[in-house]
N, C-alpha and C. Protein backbone atom coordinates (compact mmCIF):
# COMPACT_ATOMS: atom_id res chain seq x y z
N MET A 1 9.82 -28.32 4.50
CA MET A 1 9.16 -26.61 4.77
C MET A 1 9.25 -26.47 6.13
N ASN A 2 10.25 -25.30 6.69
CA ASN A 2 10.31 -25.37 8.03
C ASN A 2 9.41 -24.26 8.65
N ILE A 3 9.96 -24.02 9.75
CA ILE A 3 8.98 -22.87 10.15
C ILE A 3 9.47 -21.41 9.47
N ASN A 4 10.84 -20.88 9.52
CA ASN A 4 11.53 -19.83 9.09
C ASN A 4 10.25 -19.82 7.64
N SER A 5 10.68 -20.67 6.25
CA SER A 5 9.72 -20.69 5.29
C SER A 5 8.74 -19.87 4.82
N MET A 6 8.17 -20.68 5.94
CA MET A 6 6.24 -19.81 6.03
C MET A 6 6.50 -18.73 6.75
N GLU A 7 7.98 -18.31 7.38
CA GLU A 7 7.64 -17.09 7.54
C GLU A 7 7.54 -16.09 6.45
N ASP A 8 8.51 -17.08 5.54
CA ASP A 8 8.90 -15.57 4.48
C ASP A 8 8.31 -15.55 3.52
N PHE A 9 7.33 -16.85 3.26
CA PHE A 9 6.09 -16.49 3.05
C PHE A 9 4.89 -15.88 3.17
N LEU A 10 4.64 -16.10 4.38
CA LEU A 10 3.82 -14.61 5.53
C LEU A 10 4.25 -13.55 5.02
N LEU A 11 5.49 -12.75 5.19
CA LEU A 11 6.07 -12.04 4.92
C LEU A 11 6.15 -11.50 3.60
N GLY A 12 6.15 -12.06 2.66
CA GLY A 12 5.75 -11.44 1.34
C GLY A 12 3.74 -11.55 0.94
N LEU A 13 2.83 -12.10 2.03
CA LEU A 13 1.64 -11.86 2.25
C LEU A 13 1.54 -10.41 2.82
N GLY A 14 1.94 -9.85 3.26
CA GLY A 14 1.75 -9.09 4.02
C GLY A 14 1.81 -7.71 3.39
N LEU A 15 2.53 -7.70 2.17
CA LEU A 15 2.49 -6.78 0.73
C LEU A 15 0.63 -6.36 0.71
N THR A 16 -0.14 -7.59 0.72
CA THR A 16 -1.68 -7.41 0.64
C THR A 16 -2.19 -6.26 1.43
N VAL A 17 -1.79 -5.65 2.33
CA VAL A 17 -2.51 -4.94 3.16
C VAL A 17 -1.99 -3.70 2.58
N LEU A 18 -0.86 -3.41 2.21
CA LEU A 18 -0.95 -1.91 1.86
C LEU A 18 -1.32 -1.89 0.03
N LEU A 19 -1.49 -3.10 -0.76
CA LEU A 19 -1.70 -2.90 -2.43
C LEU A 19 -3.50 -2.67 -1.87
N ILE A 20 -4.34 -3.14 -0.85
CA ILE A 20 -5.31 -3.07 -0.39
C ILE A 20 -5.50 -1.54 -0.20
N LEU A 21 -4.69 -0.90 1.06
CA LEU A 21 -5.30 0.15 1.28
C LEU A 21 -4.71 1.29 -0.05
N ALA A 22 -3.54 0.96 -1.17
CA ALA A 22 -3.50 1.18 -2.63
C ALA A 22 -5.07 1.70 -3.28
N ASN A 23 -5.79 0.59 -3.02
CA ASN A 23 -7.12 0.56 -3.66
C ASN A 23 -7.96 1.21 -3.32
N TYR A 24 -8.58 1.67 -2.08
CA TYR A 24 -9.39 2.41 -1.50
C TYR A 24 -8.83 3.96 -2.04
N ILE A 25 -7.58 4.33 -1.91
CA ILE A 25 -7.12 5.44 -2.37
C ILE A 25 -7.56 5.73 -3.88
N VAL A 26 -7.49 4.73 -4.46
CA VAL A 26 -7.22 4.79 -6.04
C VAL A 26 -9.12 5.05 -6.09
N VAL A 27 -9.92 4.72 -5.53
CA VAL A 27 -11.23 4.51 -5.36
C VAL A 27 -12.06 5.95 -4.96
N GLU A 28 -11.13 6.59 -4.28
CA GLU A 28 -11.52 7.72 -3.23
C GLU A 28 -11.25 9.11 -4.51
N LEU A 29 -10.40 8.13 -4.65
CA LEU A 29 -9.75 9.52 -5.99
C LEU A 29 -11.04 9.33 -7.22
N CYS A 30 -11.27 8.34 -8.07
CA CYS A 30 -11.87 8.51 -8.84
C CYS A 30 -13.34 8.95 -8.20
N LYS A 31 -14.08 8.68 -7.07
CA LYS A 31 -15.00 9.67 -6.73
C LYS A 31 -14.64 10.82 -6.37
N LEU A 32 -13.76 11.67 -6.30
CA LEU A 32 -13.38 12.83 -5.95
C LEU A 32 -13.62 13.39 -7.79
N PHE A 33 -12.83 12.61 -8.73
CA PHE A 33 -13.00 13.04 -9.91
C PHE A 33 -13.65 12.18 -10.65
N PRO A 34 -14.64 12.35 -10.94
CA PRO A 34 -15.37 11.04 -11.72
C PRO A 34 -15.41 11.48 -12.92
N ASN A 35 -14.89 12.38 -13.28
CA ASN A 35 -14.63 12.82 -15.29
C ASN A 35 -13.86 12.63 -15.36
N ASN A 36 -12.72 12.07 -14.84
CA ASN A 36 -10.78 11.51 -14.66
C ASN A 36 -10.78 10.36 -14.56
N ILE A 37 -12.43 9.67 -14.97
CA ILE A 37 -11.45 8.05 -14.19
C ILE A 37 -10.52 7.25 -14.84
N LEU A 38 -10.17 7.99 -16.24
CA LEU A 38 -9.13 7.01 -17.44
C LEU A 38 -7.85 7.38 -16.42
N GLY A 39 -8.06 8.81 -15.83
CA GLY A 39 -6.37 9.37 -15.69
C GLY A 39 -6.33 8.55 -14.41
N MET A 40 -6.66 7.87 -14.16
CA MET A 40 -6.25 7.72 -12.86
C MET A 40 -5.63 6.04 -13.01
N VAL A 41 -5.31 5.53 -14.16
CA VAL A 41 -4.96 4.01 -14.18
C VAL A 41 -3.82 4.57 -13.96
N PRO A 42 -3.08 5.26 -14.57
CA PRO A 42 -1.54 5.59 -14.66
C PRO A 42 -1.20 6.08 -12.91
N VAL A 43 -2.11 6.37 -12.58
CA VAL A 43 -1.77 6.37 -10.96
C VAL A 43 -2.25 4.97 -9.80
N MET A 44 -2.74 4.79 -10.53
CA MET A 44 -2.93 3.25 -9.60
C MET A 44 -1.78 2.41 -10.20
N ILE A 45 -1.55 2.16 -11.37
CA ILE A 45 -0.29 1.45 -11.87
C ILE A 45 1.12 1.54 -10.53
N GLY A 46 1.13 3.40 -10.79
CA GLY A 46 2.16 3.86 -10.33
C GLY A 46 2.21 3.58 -8.82
N LEU A 47 1.61 4.17 -8.39
CA LEU A 47 1.08 3.70 -6.26
C LEU A 47 1.28 1.87 -6.45
N ASP A 48 0.68 1.17 -7.17
CA ASP A 48 0.58 -0.24 -7.02
C ASP A 48 2.28 -0.37 -7.00
N SER A 49 2.86 -0.04 -8.21
CA SER A 49 4.58 -0.30 -8.41
C SER A 49 5.29 -0.10 -7.42
N VAL A 50 4.89 1.54 -6.80
CA VAL A 50 5.84 1.53 -5.52
C VAL A 50 5.82 1.26 -4.40
N MET A 51 4.46 0.84 -4.08
CA MET A 51 4.09 0.18 -2.90
C MET A 51 4.75 -1.66 -3.01
N THR A 52 5.20 -2.20 -3.88
CA THR A 52 4.98 -3.59 -4.04
C THR A 52 7.03 -3.15 -4.12
N ILE A 53 7.30 -2.52 -5.33
CA ILE A 53 9.19 -2.46 -5.22
C ILE A 53 9.13 -1.97 -3.67
N GLY A 54 9.13 -0.80 -3.14
CA GLY A 54 9.79 -0.52 -1.76
C GLY A 54 9.42 -1.26 -1.00
N TYR A 55 8.17 -1.85 -0.92
CA TYR A 55 7.79 -3.37 0.43
C TYR A 55 9.04 -4.18 -0.21
N ALA A 56 9.07 -4.65 -1.50
CA ALA A 56 9.85 -5.61 -1.76
C ALA A 56 11.52 -5.54 -0.89
N ALA A 57 12.01 -4.41 -1.45
CA ALA A 57 12.83 -3.85 -1.21
C ALA A 57 13.39 -4.14 0.30
N ILE A 58 12.79 -3.22 0.67
CA ILE A 58 12.79 -3.12 2.51
C ILE A 58 12.49 -4.57 3.00
N VAL A 59 11.25 -5.65 3.00
CA VAL A 59 11.50 -6.68 3.85
C VAL A 59 12.63 -7.98 2.73
N LYS A 60 12.97 -7.80 1.80
CA LYS A 60 13.67 -8.77 1.36
C LYS A 60 15.03 -9.46 2.55
N SER A 61 15.80 -7.92 3.49
CA SER A 61 16.58 -8.07 4.43
C SER A 61 16.44 -9.07 4.91
N PHE A 62 14.91 -8.86 5.38
CA PHE A 62 14.56 -10.03 6.16
C PHE A 62 13.82 -11.59 6.31
N THR A 63 14.22 -11.76 4.93
CA THR A 63 13.72 -13.05 4.32
C THR A 63 14.87 -13.94 4.60
N ALA A 64 14.80 -15.50 4.57
CA ALA A 64 16.03 -16.30 4.60
C ALA A 64 15.41 -17.37 3.07
N ASP A 65 14.52 -17.48 2.29
CA ASP A 65 14.37 -18.16 1.41
C ASP A 65 13.18 -16.43 0.62
N ILE A 66 14.23 -16.72 -0.30
CA ILE A 66 13.74 -15.53 -1.62
C ILE A 66 12.39 -15.89 -2.09
N LYS A 67 12.96 -17.29 -3.00
CA LYS A 67 11.80 -17.87 -3.77
C LYS A 67 10.10 -17.41 -3.30
N LEU A 68 10.47 -18.01 -1.72
CA LEU A 68 8.72 -17.87 -0.89
C LEU A 68 8.98 -16.78 -0.37
N PHE A 69 9.75 -15.72 -0.36
CA PHE A 69 9.08 -14.34 -0.23
C PHE A 69 8.41 -13.92 -1.16
N ILE A 70 9.31 -13.88 -3.05
CA ILE A 70 8.47 -13.90 -3.99
C ILE A 70 7.23 -14.53 -4.35
N GLY A 71 7.44 -15.70 -3.84
CA GLY A 71 5.96 -16.10 -3.99
C GLY A 71 4.85 -15.53 -3.31
N GLY A 72 5.11 -14.98 -2.22
CA GLY A 72 3.81 -14.56 -1.79
C GLY A 72 3.74 -12.93 -1.92
N VAL A 73 4.89 -12.44 -2.70
CA VAL A 73 4.05 -11.35 -3.13
C VAL A 73 3.71 -11.41 -4.41
N GLY A 74 4.13 -12.32 -4.95
CA GLY A 74 2.92 -12.77 -6.54
C GLY A 74 1.37 -12.92 -5.93
N LEU A 75 1.66 -14.35 -4.70
CA LEU A 75 0.18 -13.90 -4.56
C LEU A 75 -0.86 -12.90 -3.68
N SER A 76 -0.06 -11.70 -3.01
CA SER A 76 -0.43 -10.80 -2.53
C SER A 76 -0.90 -9.88 -4.32
N ILE A 77 -0.14 -9.85 -5.08
CA ILE A 77 -0.77 -9.07 -5.84
C ILE A 77 -2.33 -9.52 -6.69
N VAL A 78 -2.34 -10.98 -6.93
CA VAL A 78 -3.80 -11.30 -7.34
C VAL A 78 -4.71 -11.65 -6.91
N ILE A 79 -4.23 -12.16 -5.47
CA ILE A 79 -5.54 -11.11 -4.12
C ILE A 79 -5.28 -9.37 -4.08
N ALA A 80 -4.61 -8.81 -4.67
CA ALA A 80 -5.45 -7.25 -4.61
C ALA A 80 -6.33 -7.06 -5.16
N LEU A 81 -5.61 -7.86 -6.78
CA LEU A 81 -6.52 -7.22 -8.21
C LEU A 81 -7.31 -8.02 -8.06
N THR A 82 -7.78 -9.04 -7.33
CA THR A 82 -9.15 -9.34 -7.36
C THR A 82 -9.80 -8.52 -6.46
N HIS A 83 -9.43 -8.31 -5.25
CA HIS A 83 -10.15 -7.25 -4.52
C HIS A 83 -10.66 -6.20 -5.69
N LYS A 84 -9.57 -5.58 -6.05
CA LYS A 84 -9.76 -4.61 -7.07
C LYS A 84 -10.64 -4.05 -7.87
N VAL A 85 -10.97 -5.24 -8.74
CA VAL A 85 -11.63 -5.30 -9.60
C VAL A 85 -12.99 -5.96 -8.71
N PHE A 86 -13.01 -6.60 -8.17
CA PHE A 86 -14.72 -6.50 -7.37
C PHE A 86 -15.13 -5.07 -6.65
N TYR A 87 -13.72 -4.24 -5.83
CA TYR A 87 -14.47 -3.50 -5.20
C TYR A 87 -15.09 -2.19 -6.19
N MET A 88 -14.32 -2.38 -7.32
CA MET A 88 -14.60 -1.66 -8.47
C MET A 88 -15.45 -1.41 -9.20
N LEU A 89 -15.93 -2.77 -9.32
CA LEU A 89 -17.32 -2.83 -10.11
C LEU A 89 -18.38 -2.66 -9.17
N ARG A 90 -18.19 -3.21 -7.95
CA ARG A 90 -19.38 -2.62 -6.80
C ARG A 90 -19.83 -0.68 -6.73
N THR A 91 -18.37 -0.09 -6.26
CA THR A 91 -18.18 0.99 -6.50
C THR A 91 -18.76 2.12 -7.63
N PHE A 92 -18.99 1.37 -8.63
CA PHE A 92 -18.63 2.29 -10.35
C PHE A 92 -20.26 2.14 -10.25
N ARG A 93 -20.59 0.83 -10.44
CA ARG A 93 -22.39 0.47 -10.54
C ARG A 93 -23.07 1.63 -9.66
N VAL A 94 -22.61 1.99 -8.48
CA VAL A 94 -23.58 3.26 -7.42
C VAL A 94 -23.44 4.46 -8.46
N MET A 95 -22.10 4.16 -8.66
CA MET A 95 -21.30 5.88 -9.26
C MET A 95 -22.17 5.98 -10.50
N PHE A 96 -22.84 5.45 -10.84
CA PHE A 96 -22.84 5.75 -13.16
C PHE A 96 -24.15 4.60 -12.96
N LYS A 97 -24.91 4.81 -11.72
CA LYS A 97 -26.15 3.83 -12.09
C LYS A 97 -27.36 4.46 -13.07
N ASN A 98 -27.04 5.83 -13.26
CA ASN A 98 -27.85 6.30 -14.13
C ASN A 98 -27.41 6.21 -15.80
N GLU A 99 -26.29 5.91 -16.02
CA GLU A 99 -25.34 5.93 -17.83
C GLU A 99 -24.90 5.16 -17.57
N ILE A 100 -25.89 3.73 -16.89
CA ILE A 100 -25.26 2.53 -17.36
C ILE A 100 -26.75 2.00 -18.31
N GLY A 101 -26.15 1.55 -19.35
CA GLY A 101 -27.56 0.93 -20.17
C GLY A 101 -28.36 2.13 -21.20
N LYS A 102 -27.81 3.01 -20.87
CA LYS A 102 -28.47 3.94 -22.14
C LYS A 102 -27.49 4.23 -23.44
């Protein structure tokens, strides 16, 4: 494994920033429309899909080892999903503190 291979993996990990930004956008939309939170699921899936496919299509031309790049993209998705779960749990616990446990 040389330094160029590590660059390809790190390019894949660069997607993490965009996916976490998309998470913040979705949570802010949920705060704006609290009665339509279940309607945000397709928005969340669509936004994550567009970000991932767009980033992969654009950055793929700058990589030498596509397998390591896809590995970095996969790890980005896992990291962003973990961030999304914990951030939404924390946010929704505050938003719906009067409704939890009734």
